Amino acid sequence: MDEPEVWPRVRNFVAGCCSGVALVVVGHPFDTIKVRMQTEGVGGKFTGPLDALRATVRNEGLLAVYKGVTPPLLMTGGINSLLFGFQGLAVRAIAADPAAPLVQEVCLSAVLGGAAISTIVAPMEGIKARLQVQYSAKGAAYSGPVQCARAVVAKLGVSQGLYRGWLPTCLCRMSNWAYFGSYEFIARAVSARIDGEGAAQRSFATSVLSGGLAGVCYWLSCYPMDVVKNRMQAAPDVRPPQFAGTADAFRTIYRAEGVRGFFVGFSPCALRAVPANAAAFTAFEWAMRALPEQLSEQ
């Protein structure tokens, strides 16, 4: 395969990296509040997202909302690179017309790509969750992401430690059909009104609006599973584990907290979804415009 054929595929990966960095910078403070509320559960130490934010900043300082940011900042660029890159490859393989794929073809591509990247995402999200629920540096079990990863592997191994919560992670990532699919559906509808029929490029306004709504659609499709994932990943690192598996985590949460337990922290999550994913898709679209379509004409 020569260079002109390779670059259009690589281009999606590069733009996806820009998307991931933008998403983390904008969205991580919201994510910290969401994870803390999820792991506390109904009747926990926080009465709501504003209370969680006030308590976090008051007790730990403003930068506490960026706890655990290092692994996603270092890795989400790479993960979004894979996410958008594999999405582009899958669309090319599945769609009858890759230049103008059907929304259902975009959705199927997202399911396959999401399952593929879950093996990379699960360890990163597990380390992030453990760091995010440390409420004080004094007596903290983990001093940072590298030390956390080493300690977890030493104590529990790879499969029961770093990959604890892989199944709900995989199911959440397969819900990317609601992410990419809703973005394409909304962007096409919005662009026709904002940019005009047949516009060559989507405007900044179209990308921001469609990206923000796509993030909300994604979380509506998988939020209860995300609660289960974070409960499992942030659980104490002990043997036997607090939850025997995904089904046991579901049953435990439901028995103790009812249906409400699966939607704890949804407000900060939804609030985060709009700016973070507006930034992510806008960064991707703009990077795709900035990057040349071909590196060589030969």
C-alpha atoms as a PDB file:
ATOM      1  CA  MET A   1       0.000   0.000   0.000  1.00  0.00           C
ATOM      2  CA  ASP A   2       1.617   3.312  -1.060  1.00  0.00           C
ATOM      3  CA  GLU A   3       1.676   6.572   0.877  1.00  0.00           C
ATOM      4  CA  PRO A   4      -1.377   8.225  -0.736  1.00  0.00           C
ATOM      5  CA  GLU A   5      -3.449   5.218   0.352  1.00  0.00           C
ATOM      6  CA  VAL A   6      -2.019   5.066   3.890  1.00  0.00           C
ATOM      7  CA  TRP A   7      -2.268   8.731   4.912  1.00  0.00           C
ATOM      8  CA  PRO A   8      -6.071   9.129   4.659  1.00  0.00           C
ATOM      9  CA  ARG A   9      -6.361   6.311   7.210  1.00  0.00           C
ATOM     10  CA  VAL A  10      -3.627   7.682   9.491  1.00  0.00           C
ATOM     11  CA  ARG A  11      -5.153  11.167   9.309  1.00  0.00           C
ATOM     12  CA  ASN A  12      -8.143  10.072  11.440  1.00  0.00           C
ATOM     13  CA  PHE A  13      -5.803   8.775  14.149  1.00  0.00           C
ATOM     14  CA  VAL A  14      -3.887  12.078  14.323  1.00  0.00           C
ATOM     15  CA  ALA A  15      -7.070  14.164  14.498  1.00  0.00           C
ATOM     16  CA  GLY A  16      -8.471  11.800  17.116  1.00  0.00           C
ATOM     17  CA  CYS A  17      -5.478  12.500  19.361  1.00  0.00           C
ATOM     18  CA  CYS A  18      -6.284  16.230  19.261  1.00  0.00           C
ATOM     19  CA  SER A  19      -9.877  15.362  20.118  1.00  0.00           C
ATOM     20  CA  GLY A  20      -8.858  13.357  23.182  1.00  0.00           C
ATOM     21  CA  VAL A  21      -6.683  16.091  24.657  1.00  0.00           C
ATOM     22  CA  ALA A  22      -9.463  18.663  24.236  1.00  0.00           C
ATOM     23  CA  LEU A  23     -11.990  16.328  25.863  1.00  0.00           C
ATOM     24  CA  VAL A  24      -9.843  15.708  28.960  1.00  0.00           C
ATOM     25  CA  VAL A  25      -8.868  19.343  29.530  1.00  0.00           C
ATOM     26  CA  VAL A  26     -12.482  20.498  29.393  1.00  0.00           C
ATOM     27  CA  GLY A  27     -14.220  17.514  30.953  1.00  0.00           C
ATOM     28  CA  HIS A  28     -12.030  16.062  33.721  1.00  0.00           C
ATOM     29  CA  PRO A  29     -13.317  18.263  36.606  1.00  0.00           C
ATOM     30  CA  PHE A  30     -16.878  17.149  35.839  1.00  0.00           C
ATOM     31  CA  ASP A  31     -15.678  13.551  35.615  1.00  0.00           C
ATOM     32  CA  THR A  32     -14.068  13.708  39.059  1.00  0.00           C
ATOM     33  CA  ILE A  33     -17.330  14.871  40.642  1.00  0.00           C
ATOM     34  CA  LYS A  34     -19.271  12.207  38.728  1.00  0.00           C
ATOM     35  CA  VAL A  35     -16.970   9.371  39.841  1.00  0.00           C
ATOM     36  CA  ARG A  36     -17.011  10.522  43.463  1.00  0.00           C
ATOM     37  CA  MET A  37     -20.807  10.630  43.511  1.00  0.00           C
ATOM     38  CA  GLN A  38     -21.065   7.251  41.769  1.00  0.00           C
ATOM     39  CA  THR A  39     -18.757   5.528  44.226  1.00  0.00           C
ATOM     40  CA  GLU A  40     -20.434   7.113  47.263  1.00  0.00           C
ATOM     41  CA  GLY A  41     -23.877   6.035  46.027  1.00  0.00           C
ATOM     42  CA  VAL A  42     -27.300   7.093  47.289  1.00  0.00           C
ATOM     43  CA  GLY A  43     -27.097   8.455  50.830  1.00  0.00           C
ATOM     44  CA  GLY A  44     -23.322   8.921  50.604  1.00  0.00           C
ATOM     45  CA  LYS A  45     -21.313  11.908  51.819  1.00  0.00           C
ATOM     46  CA  PHE A  46     -22.555  14.236  49.067  1.00  0.00           C
ATOM     47  CA  THR A  47     -26.086  15.633  48.741  1.00  0.00           C
ATOM     48  CA  GLY A  48     -25.603  16.587  45.100  1.00  0.00           C
ATOM     49  CA  PRO A  49     -23.043  17.670  42.487  1.00  0.00           C
ATOM     50  CA  LEU A  50     -22.653  21.215  43.849  1.00  0.00           C
ATOM     51  CA  ASP A  51     -22.114  19.855  47.352  1.00  0.00           C
ATOM     52  CA  ALA A  52     -19.534  17.409  45.997  1.00  0.00           C
ATOM     53  CA  LEU A  53     -17.752  20.227  44.161  1.00  0.00           C
ATOM     54  CA  ARG A  54     -17.776  22.548  47.187  1.00  0.00           C
ATOM     55  CA  ALA A  55     -16.527  19.821  49.519  1.00  0.00           C
ATOM     56  CA  THR A  56     -13.783  18.791  47.115  1.00  0.00           C
ATOM     57  CA  VAL A  57     -12.474  22.326  46.582  1.00  0.00           C
ATOM     58  CA  ARG A  58     -12.868  23.339  50.241  1.00  0.00           C
ATOM     59  CA  ASN A  59     -11.089  20.297  51.651  1.00  0.00           C
ATOM     60  CA  GLU A  60      -8.532  19.561  48.949  1.00  0.00           C
ATOM     61  CA  GLY A  61      -8.063  22.718  46.912  1.00  0.00           C
ATOM     62  CA  LEU A  62      -9.103  23.791  43.432  1.00  0.00           C
ATOM     63  CA  LEU A  63      -6.741  21.433  41.637  1.00  0.00           C
ATOM     64  CA  ALA A  64      -8.372  18.443  43.365  1.00  0.00           C
ATOM     65  CA  VAL A  65     -10.914  18.326  40.522  1.00  0.00           C
ATOM     66  CA  TYR A  66      -7.979  17.327  38.311  1.00  0.00           C
ATOM     67  CA  LYS A  67      -6.989  14.361  40.484  1.00  0.00           C
ATOM     68  CA  GLY A  68      -6.253  11.360  38.315  1.00  0.00           C
ATOM     69  CA  VAL A  69      -5.916  13.567  35.226  1.00  0.00           C
ATOM     70  CA  THR A  70      -2.456  12.305  34.278  1.00  0.00           C
ATOM     71  CA  PRO A  71      -3.452   8.863  32.944  1.00  0.00           C
ATOM     72  CA  PRO A  72      -6.377  10.140  30.868  1.00  0.00           C
ATOM     73  CA  LEU A  73      -4.407  13.177  29.659  1.00  0.00           C
ATOM     74  CA  LEU A  74      -1.547  10.958  28.551  1.00  0.00           C
ATOM     75  CA  MET A  75      -3.748   8.178  27.285  1.00  0.00           C
ATOM     76  CA  THR A  76      -7.039   9.715  26.143  1.00  0.00           C
ATOM     77  CA  GLY A  77      -5.243  11.426  23.298  1.00  0.00           C
ATOM     78  CA  GLY A  78      -4.032   7.983  22.281  1.00  0.00           C
ATOM     79  CA  ILE A  79      -7.357   6.336  23.030  1.00  0.00           C
ATOM     80  CA  ASN A  80      -9.341   8.896  21.068  1.00  0.00           C
ATOM     81  CA  SER A  81      -6.767   8.486  18.337  1.00  0.00           C
ATOM     82  CA  LEU A  82      -7.645   4.794  18.274  1.00  0.00           C
ATOM     83  CA  LEU A  83     -11.356   5.524  18.721  1.00  0.00           C
ATOM     84  CA  PHE A  84     -11.629   7.931  15.802  1.00  0.00           C
ATOM     85  CA  GLY A  85      -9.007   6.046  13.803  1.00  0.00           C
ATOM     86  CA  PHE A  86     -10.723   2.670  14.105  1.00  0.00           C
ATOM     87  CA  GLN A  87     -14.034   4.379  13.441  1.00  0.00           C
ATOM     88  CA  GLY A  88     -12.633   5.703  10.186  1.00  0.00           C
ATOM     89  CA  LEU A  89     -11.207   2.308   9.227  1.00  0.00           C
ATOM     90  CA  ALA A  90     -14.438   0.489  10.098  1.00  0.00           C
ATOM     91  CA  VAL A  91     -16.537   2.949   8.108  1.00  0.00           C
ATOM     92  CA  ARG A  92     -14.236   2.455   5.114  1.00  0.00           C
ATOM     93  CA  ALA A  93     -14.631  -1.318   5.443  1.00  0.00           C
ATOM     94  CA  ILE A  94     -18.390  -1.411   6.097  1.00  0.00           C
ATOM     95  CA  ALA A  95     -19.948   1.515   4.262  1.00  0.00           C
ATOM     96  CA  ALA A  96     -21.015   1.190   0.663  1.00  0.00           C
ATOM     97  CA  ASP A  97     -19.927   4.812   0.202  1.00  0.00           C
ATOM     98  CA  PRO A  98     -17.283   5.700   2.855  1.00  0.00           C
ATOM     99  CA  ALA A  99     -17.422   9.371   1.854  1.00  0.00           C
ATOM    100  CA  ALA A 100     -21.123   9.509   2.767  1.00  0.00           C
ATOM    101  CA  PRO A 101     -21.896   6.547   5.067  1.00  0.00           C
ATOM    102  CA  LEU A 102     -25.400   5.800   6.288  1.00  0.00           C
ATOM    103  CA  VAL A 103     -26.032   6.525   9.959  1.00  0.00           C
ATOM    104  CA  GLN A 104     -26.601   2.811  10.615  1.00  0.00           C
ATOM    105  CA  GLU A 105     -23.214   2.038   9.050  1.00  0.00           C
ATOM    106  CA  VAL A 106     -21.626   4.612  11.362  1.00  0.00           C
ATOM    107  CA  CYS A 107     -23.333   2.940  14.348  1.00  0.00           C
ATOM    108  CA  LEU A 108     -22.135  -0.557  13.443  1.00  0.00           C
ATOM    109  CA  SER A 109     -18.592   0.715  12.956  1.00  0.00           C
ATOM    110  CA  ALA A 110     -18.719   2.317  16.408  1.00  0.00           C
ATOM    111  CA  VAL A 111     -19.814  -0.923  18.104  1.00  0.00           C
ATOM    112  CA  LEU A 112     -16.901  -2.838  16.588  1.00  0.00           C
ATOM    113  CA  GLY A 113     -14.362  -0.097  17.295  1.00  0.00           C
ATOM    114  CA  GLY A 114     -15.575   0.341  20.874  1.00  0.00           C
ATOM    115  CA  ALA A 115     -15.162  -3.356  21.640  1.00  0.00           C
ATOM    116  CA  ALA A 116     -11.647  -3.287  20.209  1.00  0.00           C
ATOM    117  CA  ILE A 117     -10.382  -0.371  22.306  1.00  0.00           C
ATOM    118  CA  SER A 118     -11.913  -1.603  25.587  1.00  0.00           C
ATOM    119  CA  THR A 119      -8.827  -3.750  26.196  1.00  0.00           C
ATOM    120  CA  ILE A 120      -6.724  -0.578  26.226  1.00  0.00           C
ATOM    121  CA  VAL A 121      -9.210   1.637  28.059  1.00  0.00           C
ATOM    122  CA  ALA A 122      -9.999  -0.645  31.027  1.00  0.00           C
ATOM    123  CA  PRO A 123      -6.634  -0.381  32.856  1.00  0.00           C
ATOM    124  CA  MET A 124      -6.477   3.395  32.360  1.00  0.00           C
ATOM    125  CA  GLU A 125      -9.986   3.947  33.683  1.00  0.00           C
ATOM    126  CA  GLY A 126      -9.353   1.635  36.623  1.00  0.00           C
ATOM    127  CA  ILE A 127      -6.284   3.616  37.706  1.00  0.00           C
ATOM    128  CA  LYS A 128      -8.129   6.911  37.190  1.00  0.00           C
ATOM    129  CA  ALA A 129     -11.088   5.771  39.321  1.00  0.00           C
ATOM    130  CA  ARG A 130      -8.834   4.647  42.179  1.00  0.00           C
ATOM    131  CA  LEU A 131      -7.046   8.004  42.241  1.00  0.00           C
ATOM    132  CA  GLN A 132     -10.243  10.043  41.956  1.00  0.00           C
ATOM    133  CA  VAL A 133     -11.792   8.551  45.099  1.00  0.00           C
ATOM    134  CA  GLN A 134      -8.802   9.326  47.316  1.00  0.00           C
ATOM    135  CA  TYR A 135     -10.164  12.217  49.350  1.00  0.00           C
ATOM    136  CA  SER A 136      -6.939  13.146  51.121  1.00  0.00           C
ATOM    137  CA  ALA A 137      -3.229  12.834  50.380  1.00  0.00           C
ATOM    138  CA  LYS A 138      -2.683  11.809  54.010  1.00  0.00           C
ATOM    139  CA  GLY A 139      -2.824   8.051  54.243  1.00  0.00           C
ATOM    140  CA  ALA A 140      -3.607   7.680  50.526  1.00  0.00           C
ATOM    141  CA  ALA A 141      -2.936   4.222  49.190  1.00  0.00           C
ATOM    142  CA  TYR A 142      -1.654   5.510  45.858  1.00  0.00           C
ATOM    143  CA  SER A 143       0.656   8.452  45.191  1.00  0.00           C
ATOM    144  CA  GLY A 144       0.219   8.570  41.425  1.00  0.00           C
ATOM    145  CA  PRO A 145      -0.757   6.565  38.349  1.00  0.00           C
ATOM    146  CA  VAL A 146       2.494   4.640  37.907  1.00  0.00           C
ATOM    147  CA  GLN A 147       2.740   3.673  41.579  1.00  0.00           C
ATOM    148  CA  CYS A 148      -0.963   2.790  41.540  1.00  0.00           C
ATOM    149  CA  ALA A 149      -0.576   0.474  38.552  1.00  0.00           C
ATOM    150  CA  ARG A 150       2.454  -1.261  40.080  1.00  0.00           C
ATOM    151  CA  ALA A 151       0.765  -1.715  43.459  1.00  0.00           C
ATOM    152  CA  VAL A 152      -2.449  -3.089  41.936  1.00  0.00           C
ATOM    153  CA  VAL A 153      -0.578  -5.607  39.795  1.00  0.00           C
ATOM    154  CA  ALA A 154       1.623  -6.663  42.728  1.00  0.00           C
ATOM    155  CA  LYS A 155      -1.384  -7.192  44.981  1.00  0.00           C
ATOM    156  CA  LEU A 156      -4.064  -8.531  42.626  1.00  0.00           C
ATOM    157  CA  GLY A 157      -2.383  -9.331  39.330  1.00  0.00           C
ATOM    158  CA  VAL A 158      -3.355  -8.124  35.876  1.00  0.00           C
ATOM    159  CA  SER A 159      -6.721  -9.802  35.250  1.00  0.00           C
ATOM    160  CA  GLN A 160      -8.156  -9.285  38.751  1.00  0.00           C
ATOM    161  CA  GLY A 161      -6.421  -5.941  39.272  1.00  0.00           C
ATOM    162  CA  LEU A 162      -5.835  -3.757  36.227  1.00  0.00           C
ATOM    163  CA  TYR A 163      -8.618  -5.442  34.265  1.00  0.00           C
ATOM    164  CA  ARG A 164     -11.206  -5.526  37.018  1.00  0.00           C
ATOM    165  CA  GLY A 165     -14.351  -4.085  35.473  1.00  0.00           C
ATOM    166  CA  TRP A 166     -13.363  -4.923  31.891  1.00  0.00           C
ATOM    167  CA  LEU A 167     -16.800  -6.294  30.899  1.00  0.00           C
ATOM    168  CA  PRO A 168     -18.796  -3.173  31.847  1.00  0.00           C
ATOM    169  CA  THR A 169     -16.023  -1.090  30.258  1.00  0.00           C
ATOM    170  CA  CYS A 170     -16.430  -3.049  27.030  1.00  0.00           C
ATOM    171  CA  LEU A 171     -20.215  -2.675  27.074  1.00  0.00           C
ATOM    172  CA  CYS A 172     -19.901   1.069  27.696  1.00  0.00           C
ATOM    173  CA  ARG A 173     -17.468   1.458  24.811  1.00  0.00           C
ATOM    174  CA  MET A 174     -19.706  -0.537  22.491  1.00  0.00           C
ATOM    175  CA  SER A 175     -22.324   2.123  23.218  1.00  0.00           C
ATOM    176  CA  ASN A 176     -20.254   4.407  21.018  1.00  0.00           C
ATOM    177  CA  TRP A 177     -22.951   3.681  18.441  1.00  0.00           C
ATOM    178  CA  ALA A 178     -24.981   6.322  20.307  1.00  0.00           C
ATOM    179  CA  TYR A 179     -21.986   8.672  20.234  1.00  0.00           C
ATOM    180  CA  PHE A 180     -20.905   8.598  16.608  1.00  0.00           C
ATOM    181  CA  GLY A 181     -24.351   7.740  15.287  1.00  0.00           C
ATOM    182  CA  SER A 182     -26.098  10.618  17.043  1.00  0.00           C
ATOM    183  CA  TYR A 183     -23.318  13.016  16.035  1.00  0.00           C
ATOM    184  CA  GLU A 184     -23.744  12.169  12.358  1.00  0.00           C
ATOM    185  CA  PHE A 185     -27.538  12.284  12.551  1.00  0.00           C
ATOM    186  CA  ILE A 186     -27.649  15.605  14.404  1.00  0.00           C
ATOM    187  CA  ALA A 187     -24.814  17.199  12.429  1.00  0.00           C
ATOM    188  CA  ARG A 188     -26.453  16.396   9.117  1.00  0.00           C
ATOM    189  CA  ALA A 189     -29.772  17.834  10.269  1.00  0.00           C
ATOM    190  CA  VAL A 190     -28.222  20.903  11.885  1.00  0.00           C
ATOM    191  CA  SER A 191     -25.782  21.602   9.059  1.00  0.00           C
ATOM    192  CA  ALA A 192     -28.613  21.724   6.541  1.00  0.00           C
ATOM    193  CA  ARG A 193     -30.148  24.586   8.537  1.00  0.00           C
ATOM    194  CA  ILE A 194     -27.047  26.411   9.768  1.00  0.00           C
ATOM    195  CA  ASP A 195     -24.593  25.889   6.920  1.00  0.00           C
ATOM    196  CA  GLY A 196     -27.027  25.376   4.061  1.00  0.00           C
ATOM    197  CA  GLU A 197     -27.759  22.309   1.938  1.00  0.00           C
ATOM    198  CA  GLY A 198     -24.684  20.789   0.347  1.00  0.00           C
ATOM    199  CA  ALA A 199     -22.183  22.791   2.456  1.00  0.00           C
ATOM    200  CA  ALA A 200     -18.634  21.552   1.867  1.00  0.00           C
ATOM    201  CA  GLN A 201     -17.678  21.816   5.545  1.00  0.00           C
ATOM    202  CA  ARG A 202     -19.488  21.855   8.871  1.00  0.00           C
ATOM    203  CA  SER A 203     -19.316  25.147  10.691  1.00  0.00           C
ATOM    204  CA  PHE A 204     -17.950  25.683  14.189  1.00  0.00           C
ATOM    205  CA  ALA A 205     -21.518  26.094  15.480  1.00  0.00           C
ATOM    206  CA  THR A 206     -22.602  22.795  13.911  1.00  0.00           C
ATOM    207  CA  SER A 207     -19.663  20.888  15.426  1.00  0.00           C
ATOM    208  CA  VAL A 208     -20.167  22.387  18.889  1.00  0.00           C
ATOM    209  CA  LEU A 209     -23.918  21.776  19.000  1.00  0.00           C
ATOM    210  CA  SER A 210     -23.775  18.283  17.500  1.00  0.00           C
ATOM    211  CA  GLY A 211     -20.797  17.216  19.621  1.00  0.00           C
ATOM    212  CA  GLY A 212     -22.396  18.398  22.853  1.00  0.00           C
ATOM    213  CA  LEU A 213     -25.667  16.596  22.124  1.00  0.00           C
ATOM    214  CA  ALA A 214     -23.823  13.455  21.006  1.00  0.00           C
ATOM    215  CA  GLY A 215     -22.135  13.295  24.391  1.00  0.00           C
ATOM    216  CA  VAL A 216     -25.488  13.424  26.165  1.00  0.00           C
ATOM    217  CA  CYS A 217     -26.890  10.718  23.861  1.00  0.00           C
ATOM    218  CA  TYR A 218     -23.928   8.477  24.672  1.00  0.00           C
ATOM    219  CA  TRP A 219     -24.419   8.759  28.430  1.00  0.00           C
ATOM    220  CA  LEU A 220     -28.149   8.193  28.156  1.00  0.00           C
ATOM    221  CA  SER A 221     -27.360   4.908  26.400  1.00  0.00           C
ATOM    222  CA  CYS A 222     -24.967   3.487  29.003  1.00  0.00           C
ATOM    223  CA  TYR A 223     -24.939   5.451  32.264  1.00  0.00           C
ATOM    224  CA  PRO A 224     -26.122   2.611  34.572  1.00  0.00           C
ATOM    225  CA  MET A 225     -23.364   0.399  33.157  1.00  0.00           C
ATOM    226  CA  ASP A 226     -20.843   3.166  33.803  1.00  0.00           C
ATOM    227  CA  VAL A 227     -21.952   3.297  37.451  1.00  0.00           C
ATOM    228  CA  VAL A 228     -21.327  -0.442  37.750  1.00  0.00           C
ATOM    229  CA  LYS A 229     -17.946  -0.071  36.052  1.00  0.00           C
ATOM    230  CA  ASN A 230     -16.791   2.673  38.419  1.00  0.00           C
ATOM    231  CA  ARG A 231     -18.070   0.859  41.523  1.00  0.00           C
ATOM    232  CA  MET A 232     -16.078  -2.202  40.492  1.00  0.00           C
ATOM    233  CA  GLN A 233     -12.924  -0.308  39.539  1.00  0.00           C
ATOM    234  CA  ALA A 234     -12.891   1.988  42.580  1.00  0.00           C
ATOM    235  CA  ALA A 235     -13.708  -0.796  45.063  1.00  0.00           C
ATOM    236  CA  PRO A 236     -11.070  -1.635  47.693  1.00  0.00           C
ATOM    237  CA  ASP A 237      -8.184  -3.692  46.312  1.00  0.00           C
ATOM    238  CA  VAL A 238      -8.750  -6.738  48.484  1.00  0.00           C
ATOM    239  CA  ARG A 239      -9.202 -10.486  48.135  1.00  0.00           C
ATOM    240  CA  PRO A 240     -11.898 -11.658  47.763  1.00  0.00           C
ATOM    241  CA  PRO A 241     -13.126  -8.653  45.764  1.00  0.00           C
ATOM    242  CA  GLN A 242     -16.081  -6.594  46.934  1.00  0.00           C
ATOM    243  CA  PHE A 243     -18.009  -7.650  43.812  1.00  0.00           C
ATOM    244  CA  ALA A 244     -17.773 -11.148  42.354  1.00  0.00           C
ATOM    245  CA  GLY A 245     -18.495  -9.784  38.878  1.00  0.00           C
ATOM    246  CA  THR A 246     -20.639  -7.433  36.828  1.00  0.00           C
ATOM    247  CA  ALA A 247     -23.931  -9.199  37.605  1.00  0.00           C
ATOM    248  CA  ASP A 248     -23.135  -9.253  41.330  1.00  0.00           C
ATOM    249  CA  ALA A 249     -22.355  -5.520  41.245  1.00  0.00           C
ATOM    250  CA  PHE A 250     -25.711  -4.849  39.570  1.00  0.00           C
ATOM    251  CA  ARG A 251     -27.586  -6.914  42.173  1.00  0.00           C
ATOM    252  CA  THR A 252     -25.713  -5.325  45.083  1.00  0.00           C
ATOM    253  CA  ILE A 253     -26.388  -1.766  43.923  1.00  0.00           C
ATOM    254  CA  TYR A 254     -30.054  -2.498  43.207  1.00  0.00           C
ATOM    255  CA  ARG A 255     -30.679  -4.190  46.566  1.00  0.00           C
ATOM    256  CA  ALA A 256     -29.034  -1.371  48.511  1.00  0.00           C
ATOM    257  CA  GLU A 257     -30.131   1.687  46.522  1.00  0.00           C
ATOM    258  CA  GLY A 258     -32.809   0.704  44.020  1.00  0.00           C
ATOM    259  CA  VAL A 259     -32.982   2.147  40.520  1.00  0.00           C
ATOM    260  CA  ARG A 260     -31.749   5.519  41.804  1.00  0.00           C
ATOM    261  CA  GLY A 261     -28.393   3.932  42.521  1.00  0.00           C
ATOM    262  CA  PHE A 262     -27.734   3.551  38.800  1.00  0.00           C
ATOM    263  CA  PHE A 263     -28.167   7.274  38.147  1.00  0.00           C
ATOM    264  CA  VAL A 264     -26.135   8.784  40.979  1.00  0.00           C
ATOM    265  CA  GLY A 265     -23.905  11.500  39.546  1.00  0.00           C
ATOM    266  CA  PHE A 266     -25.833  11.777  36.283  1.00  0.00           C
ATOM    267  CA  SER A 267     -26.204  15.566  36.590  1.00  0.00           C
ATOM    268  CA  PRO A 268     -22.462  16.377  36.547  1.00  0.00           C
ATOM    269  CA  CYS A 269     -22.008  13.727  33.880  1.00  0.00           C
ATOM    270  CA  ALA A 270     -24.611  15.341  31.617  1.00  0.00           C
ATOM    271  CA  LEU A 271     -23.202  18.795  32.335  1.00  0.00           C
ATOM    272  CA  ARG A 272     -19.719  17.551  31.457  1.00  0.00           C
ATOM    273  CA  ALA A 273     -20.915  15.805  28.311  1.00  0.00           C
ATOM    274  CA  VAL A 274     -21.940  19.002  26.561  1.00  0.00           C
ATOM    275  CA  PRO A 275     -18.738  21.101  26.770  1.00  0.00           C
ATOM    276  CA  ALA A 276     -16.323  18.144  26.773  1.00  0.00           C
ATOM    277  CA  ASN A 277     -17.732  16.456  23.692  1.00  0.00           C
ATOM    278  CA  ALA A 278     -18.383  19.749  21.936  1.00  0.00           C
ATOM    279  CA  ALA A 279     -14.647  20.374  22.393  1.00  0.00           C
ATOM    280  CA  ALA A 280     -13.762  16.816  21.327  1.00  0.00           C
ATOM    281  CA  PHE A 281     -15.691  16.787  18.056  1.00  0.00           C
ATOM    282  CA  THR A 282     -14.788  20.384  17.212  1.00  0.00           C
ATOM    283  CA  ALA A 283     -11.088  19.638  17.766  1.00  0.00           C
ATOM    284  CA  PHE A 284     -11.416  16.559  15.555  1.00  0.00           C
ATOM    285  CA  GLU A 285     -13.191  18.417  12.762  1.00  0.00           C
ATOM    286  CA  TRP A 286     -10.719  21.295  12.837  1.00  0.00           C
ATOM    287  CA  ALA A 287      -7.719  18.961  12.939  1.00  0.00           C
ATOM    288  CA  MET A 288      -9.075  17.101   9.919  1.00  0.00           C
ATOM    289  CA  ARG A 289      -9.298  20.409   8.074  1.00  0.00           C
ATOM    290  CA  ALA A 290      -5.795  21.469   9.099  1.00  0.00           C
ATOM    291  CA  LEU A 291      -4.195  18.170   8.128  1.00  0.00           C
ATOM    292  CA  PRO A 292      -3.566  17.705   4.387  1.00  0.00           C
ATOM    293  CA  GLU A 293      -5.689  15.129   2.616  1.00  0.00           C
ATOM    294  CA  GLN A 294      -2.567  13.731   0.970  1.00  0.00           C
ATOM    295  CA  LEU A 295       1.082  13.938   1.975  1.00  0.00           C
ATOM    296  CA  SER A 296       2.273  13.246  -1.534  1.00  0.00           C
ATOM    297  CA  GLU A 297       0.890  13.434  -5.008  1.00  0.00           C
ATOM    298  CA  GLN A 298       3.186  10.650  -6.209  1.00  0.00           C
END
